[in-house]
Amino acid sequence: MSPMTLFYIAMLVFSLMIVGLYQSVREFLVVSKEPSQTKKPTPVKE
């Protein structure tokens, strides 16, 4: 492989990592704003 091909692959992987990090932060902020929608009350076992 040529160095430019490796560079393009590295840039693609880096950009996918940035997009994944952005999505993770966005989901975390949504969950932390409204915890009542994600957490259900636990049923009491008798």
PDB file of N, CA and C in Angstrom:
ATOM      1  N   MET A   1       0.839  -1.188   0.000  1.00  0.00           N
ATOM      2  CA  MET A   1       0.000   0.000   0.000  1.00  0.00           C
ATOM      3  C   MET A   1       0.881   1.248   0.000  1.00  0.00           C
ATOM      4  N   SER A   2       0.418   2.229  -0.675  1.00  0.00           N
ATOM      5  CA  SER A   2       1.177   3.474  -0.707  1.00  0.00           C
ATOM      6  C   SER A   2       0.888   4.291   0.558  1.00  0.00           C
ATOM      7  N   PRO A   3       1.768   5.186   0.908  1.00  0.00           N
ATOM      8  CA  PRO A   3       1.547   6.015   2.098  1.00  0.00           C
ATOM      9  C   PRO A   3       0.277   6.860   2.015  1.00  0.00           C
ATOM     10  N   MET A   4      -0.093   7.294   0.834  1.00  0.00           N
ATOM     11  CA  MET A   4      -1.310   8.099   0.705  1.00  0.00           C
ATOM     12  C   MET A   4      -2.553   7.260   0.974  1.00  0.00           C
ATOM     13  N   THR A   5      -2.548   5.996   0.564  1.00  0.00           N
ATOM     14  CA  THR A   5      -3.681   5.114   0.847  1.00  0.00           C
ATOM     15  C   THR A   5      -3.823   4.903   2.339  1.00  0.00           C
ATOM     16  N   LEU A   6      -2.709   4.689   3.018  1.00  0.00           N
ATOM     17  CA  LEU A   6      -2.749   4.521   4.470  1.00  0.00           C
ATOM     18  C   LEU A   6      -3.241   5.798   5.145  1.00  0.00           C
ATOM     19  N   PHE A   7      -2.819   6.937   4.617  1.00  0.00           N
ATOM     20  CA  PHE A   7      -3.272   8.213   5.171  1.00  0.00           C
ATOM     21  C   PHE A   7      -4.778   8.370   5.017  1.00  0.00           C
ATOM     22  N   TYR A   8      -5.312   8.023   3.853  1.00  0.00           N
ATOM     23  CA  TYR A   8      -6.756   8.127   3.640  1.00  0.00           C
ATOM     24  C   TYR A   8      -7.525   7.170   4.551  1.00  0.00           C
ATOM     25  N   ILE A   9      -7.017   5.982   4.743  1.00  0.00           N
ATOM     26  CA  ILE A   9      -7.674   5.028   5.645  1.00  0.00           C
ATOM     27  C   ILE A   9      -7.647   5.553   7.076  1.00  0.00           C
ATOM     28  N   ALA A  10      -6.508   6.120   7.479  1.00  0.00           N
ATOM     29  CA  ALA A  10      -6.400   6.681   8.826  1.00  0.00           C
ATOM     30  C   ALA A  10      -7.371   7.843   9.006  1.00  0.00           C
ATOM     31  N   MET A  11      -7.521   8.685   8.006  1.00  0.00           N
ATOM     32  CA  MET A  11      -8.460   9.805   8.111  1.00  0.00           C
ATOM     33  C   MET A  11      -9.903   9.310   8.178  1.00  0.00           C
ATOM     34  N   LEU A  12     -10.221   8.257   7.439  1.00  0.00           N
ATOM     35  CA  LEU A  12     -11.559   7.691   7.483  1.00  0.00           C
ATOM     36  C   LEU A  12     -11.856   7.127   8.866  1.00  0.00           C
ATOM     37  N   VAL A  13     -10.916   6.382   9.429  1.00  0.00           N
ATOM     38  CA  VAL A  13     -11.105   5.819  10.766  1.00  0.00           C
ATOM     39  C   VAL A  13     -11.233   6.930  11.800  1.00  0.00           C
ATOM     40  N   PHE A  14     -10.408   7.955  11.686  1.00  0.00           N
ATOM     41  CA  PHE A  14     -10.474   9.076  12.624  1.00  0.00           C
ATOM     42  C   PHE A  14     -11.822   9.783  12.544  1.00  0.00           C
ATOM     43  N   SER A  15     -12.314  10.007  11.325  1.00  0.00           N
ATOM     44  CA  SER A  15     -13.599  10.698  11.189  1.00  0.00           C
ATOM     45  C   SER A  15     -14.742   9.835  11.730  1.00  0.00           C
ATOM     46  N   LEU A  16     -14.675   8.521  11.537  1.00  0.00           N
ATOM     47  CA  LEU A  16     -15.709   7.651  12.105  1.00  0.00           C
ATOM     48  C   LEU A  16     -15.657   7.659  13.634  1.00  0.00           C
ATOM     49  N   MET A  17     -14.465   7.740  14.200  1.00  0.00           N
ATOM     50  CA  MET A  17     -14.344   7.823  15.656  1.00  0.00           C
ATOM     51  C   MET A  17     -14.954   9.122  16.181  1.00  0.00           C
ATOM     52  N   ILE A  18     -14.734  10.221  15.474  1.00  0.00           N
ATOM     53  CA  ILE A  18     -15.289  11.510  15.896  1.00  0.00           C
ATOM     54  C   ILE A  18     -16.811  11.478  15.825  1.00  0.00           C
ATOM     55  N   VAL A  19     -17.355  10.902  14.765  1.00  0.00           N
ATOM     56  CA  VAL A  19     -18.815  10.802  14.631  1.00  0.00           C
ATOM     57  C   VAL A  19     -19.390   9.925  15.743  1.00  0.00           C
ATOM     58  N   GLY A  20     -18.733   8.821  16.048  1.00  0.00           N
ATOM     59  CA  GLY A  20     -19.196   7.953  17.129  1.00  0.00           C
ATOM     60  C   GLY A  20     -19.141   8.637  18.474  1.00  0.00           C
ATOM     61  N   LEU A  21     -18.094   9.395  18.724  1.00  0.00           N
ATOM     62  CA  LEU A  21     -17.987  10.128  19.982  1.00  0.00           C
ATOM     63  C   LEU A  21     -19.084  11.178  20.085  1.00  0.00           C
ATOM     64  N   TYR A  22     -19.366  11.873  18.993  1.00  0.00           N
ATOM     65  CA  TYR A  22     -20.429  12.881  18.982  1.00  0.00           C
ATOM     66  C   TYR A  22     -21.782  12.237  19.271  1.00  0.00           C
ATOM     67  N   GLN A  23     -22.059  11.098  18.647  1.00  0.00           N
ATOM     68  CA  GLN A  23     -23.325  10.407  18.871  1.00  0.00           C
ATOM     69  C   GLN A  23     -23.441   9.939  20.320  1.00  0.00           C
ATOM     70  N   SER A  24     -22.356   9.445  20.899  1.00  0.00           N
ATOM     71  CA  SER A  24     -22.377   8.980  22.276  1.00  0.00           C
ATOM     72  C   SER A  24     -22.654  10.129  23.243  1.00  0.00           C
ATOM     73  N   VAL A  25     -21.996  11.259  23.027  1.00  0.00           N
ATOM     74  CA  VAL A  25     -22.213  12.421  23.897  1.00  0.00           C
ATOM     75  C   VAL A  25     -23.645  12.917  23.767  1.00  0.00           C
ATOM     76  N   ARG A  26     -24.168  12.926  22.545  1.00  0.00           N
ATOM     77  CA  ARG A  26     -25.542  13.392  22.341  1.00  0.00           C
ATOM     78  C   ARG A  26     -26.544  12.485  23.040  1.00  0.00           C
ATOM     79  N   GLU A  27     -26.366  11.162  22.927  1.00  0.00           N
ATOM     80  CA  GLU A  27     -27.263  10.224  23.612  1.00  0.00           C
ATOM     81  C   GLU A  27     -27.144  10.355  25.124  1.00  0.00           C
ATOM     82  N   PHE A  28     -25.934  10.529  25.633  1.00  0.00           N
ATOM     83  CA  PHE A  28     -25.746  10.697  27.070  1.00  0.00           C
ATOM     84  C   PHE A  28     -26.464  11.939  27.574  1.00  0.00           C
ATOM     85  N   LEU A  29     -26.397  13.039  26.820  1.00  0.00           N
ATOM     86  CA  LEU A  29     -27.067  14.259  27.249  1.00  0.00           C
ATOM     87  C   LEU A  29     -28.583  14.098  27.215  1.00  0.00           C
ATOM     88  N   VAL A  30     -29.107  13.373  26.241  1.00  0.00           N
ATOM     89  CA  VAL A  30     -30.558  13.143  26.172  1.00  0.00           C
ATOM     90  C   VAL A  30     -31.017  12.313  27.368  1.00  0.00           C
ATOM     91  N   VAL A  31     -30.265  11.272  27.700  1.00  0.00           N
ATOM     92  CA  VAL A  31     -30.643  10.407  28.812  1.00  0.00           C
ATOM     93  C   VAL A  31     -30.514  11.141  30.134  1.00  0.00           C
ATOM     94  N   SER A  32     -29.492  11.964  30.290  1.00  0.00           N
ATOM     95  CA  SER A  32     -29.296  12.648  31.566  1.00  0.00           C
ATOM     96  C   SER A  32     -30.310  13.774  31.773  1.00  0.00           C
ATOM     97  N   LYS A  33     -30.878  14.310  30.698  1.00  0.00           N
ATOM     98  CA  LYS A  33     -31.893  15.354  30.859  1.00  0.00           C
ATOM     99  C   LYS A  33     -33.223  14.774  31.328  1.00  0.00           C
ATOM    100  N   GLU A  34     -33.605  13.608  30.814  1.00  0.00           N
ATOM    101  CA  GLU A  34     -34.907  13.035  31.121  1.00  0.00           C
ATOM    102  C   GLU A  34     -34.754  11.599  31.615  1.00  0.00           C
ATOM    103  N   PRO A  35     -34.336  11.428  32.857  1.00  0.00           N
ATOM    104  CA  PRO A  35     -34.153  10.052  33.340  1.00  0.00           C
ATOM    105  C   PRO A  35     -35.469   9.333  33.608  1.00  0.00           C
ATOM    106  N   SER A  36     -36.565  10.091  33.768  1.00  0.00           N
ATOM    107  CA  SER A  36     -37.837   9.442  34.079  1.00  0.00           C
ATOM    108  C   SER A  36     -38.376   8.643  32.894  1.00  0.00           C
ATOM    109  N   GLN A  37     -37.986   9.006  31.678  1.00  0.00           N
ATOM    110  CA  GLN A  37     -38.475   8.279  30.510  1.00  0.00           C
ATOM    111  C   GLN A  37     -37.706   6.993  30.281  1.00  0.00           C
ATOM    112  N   THR A  38     -36.470   6.929  30.760  1.00  0.00           N
ATOM    113  CA  THR A  38     -35.670   5.737  30.500  1.00  0.00           C
ATOM    114  C   THR A  38     -35.741   4.731  31.628  1.00  0.00           C
ATOM    115  N   LYS A  39     -35.983   5.203  32.849  1.00  0.00           N
ATOM    116  CA  LYS A  39     -36.026   4.297  33.981  1.00  0.00           C
ATOM    117  C   LYS A  39     -37.472   3.944  34.300  1.00  0.00           C
ATOM    118  N   LYS A  40     -37.745   2.668  34.389  1.00  0.00           N
ATOM    119  CA  LYS A  40     -39.092   2.228  34.751  1.00  0.00           C
ATOM    120  C   LYS A  40     -39.059   1.781  36.203  1.00  0.00           C
ATOM    121  N   PRO A  41     -40.160   1.928  36.919  1.00  0.00           N
ATOM    122  CA  PRO A  41     -40.156   1.459  38.301  1.00  0.00           C
ATOM    123  C   PRO A  41     -40.013  -0.064  38.357  1.00  0.00           C
ATOM    124  N   THR A  42     -39.220  -0.510  39.305  1.00  0.00           N
ATOM    125  CA  THR A  42     -38.994  -1.943  39.411  1.00  0.00           C
ATOM    126  C   THR A  42     -40.187  -2.593  40.117  1.00  0.00           C
ATOM    127  N   PRO A  43     -40.705  -3.675  39.574  1.00  0.00           N
ATOM    128  CA  PRO A  43     -41.850  -4.351  40.227  1.00  0.00           C
ATOM    129  C   PRO A  43     -41.399  -5.016  41.529  1.00  0.00           C
ATOM    130  N   VAL A  44     -42.289  -4.995  42.502  1.00  0.00           N
ATOM    131  CA  VAL A  44     -41.999  -5.583  43.803  1.00  0.00           C
ATOM    132  C   VAL A  44     -42.393  -7.050  43.754  1.00  0.00           C
ATOM    133  N   LYS A  45     -41.446  -7.932  44.063  1.00  0.00           N
ATOM    134  CA  LYS A  45     -41.740  -9.375  44.079  1.00  0.00           C
ATOM    135  C   LYS A  45     -42.190  -9.762  45.462  1.00  0.00           C
ATOM    136  N   GLU A  46     -43.232 -10.565  45.504  1.00  0.00           N
ATOM    137  CA  GLU A  46     -43.741 -11.007  46.809  1.00  0.00           C
ATOM    138  C   GLU A  46     -43.348 -12.437  47.076  1.00  0.00           C
TER     139      GLU A  46
END
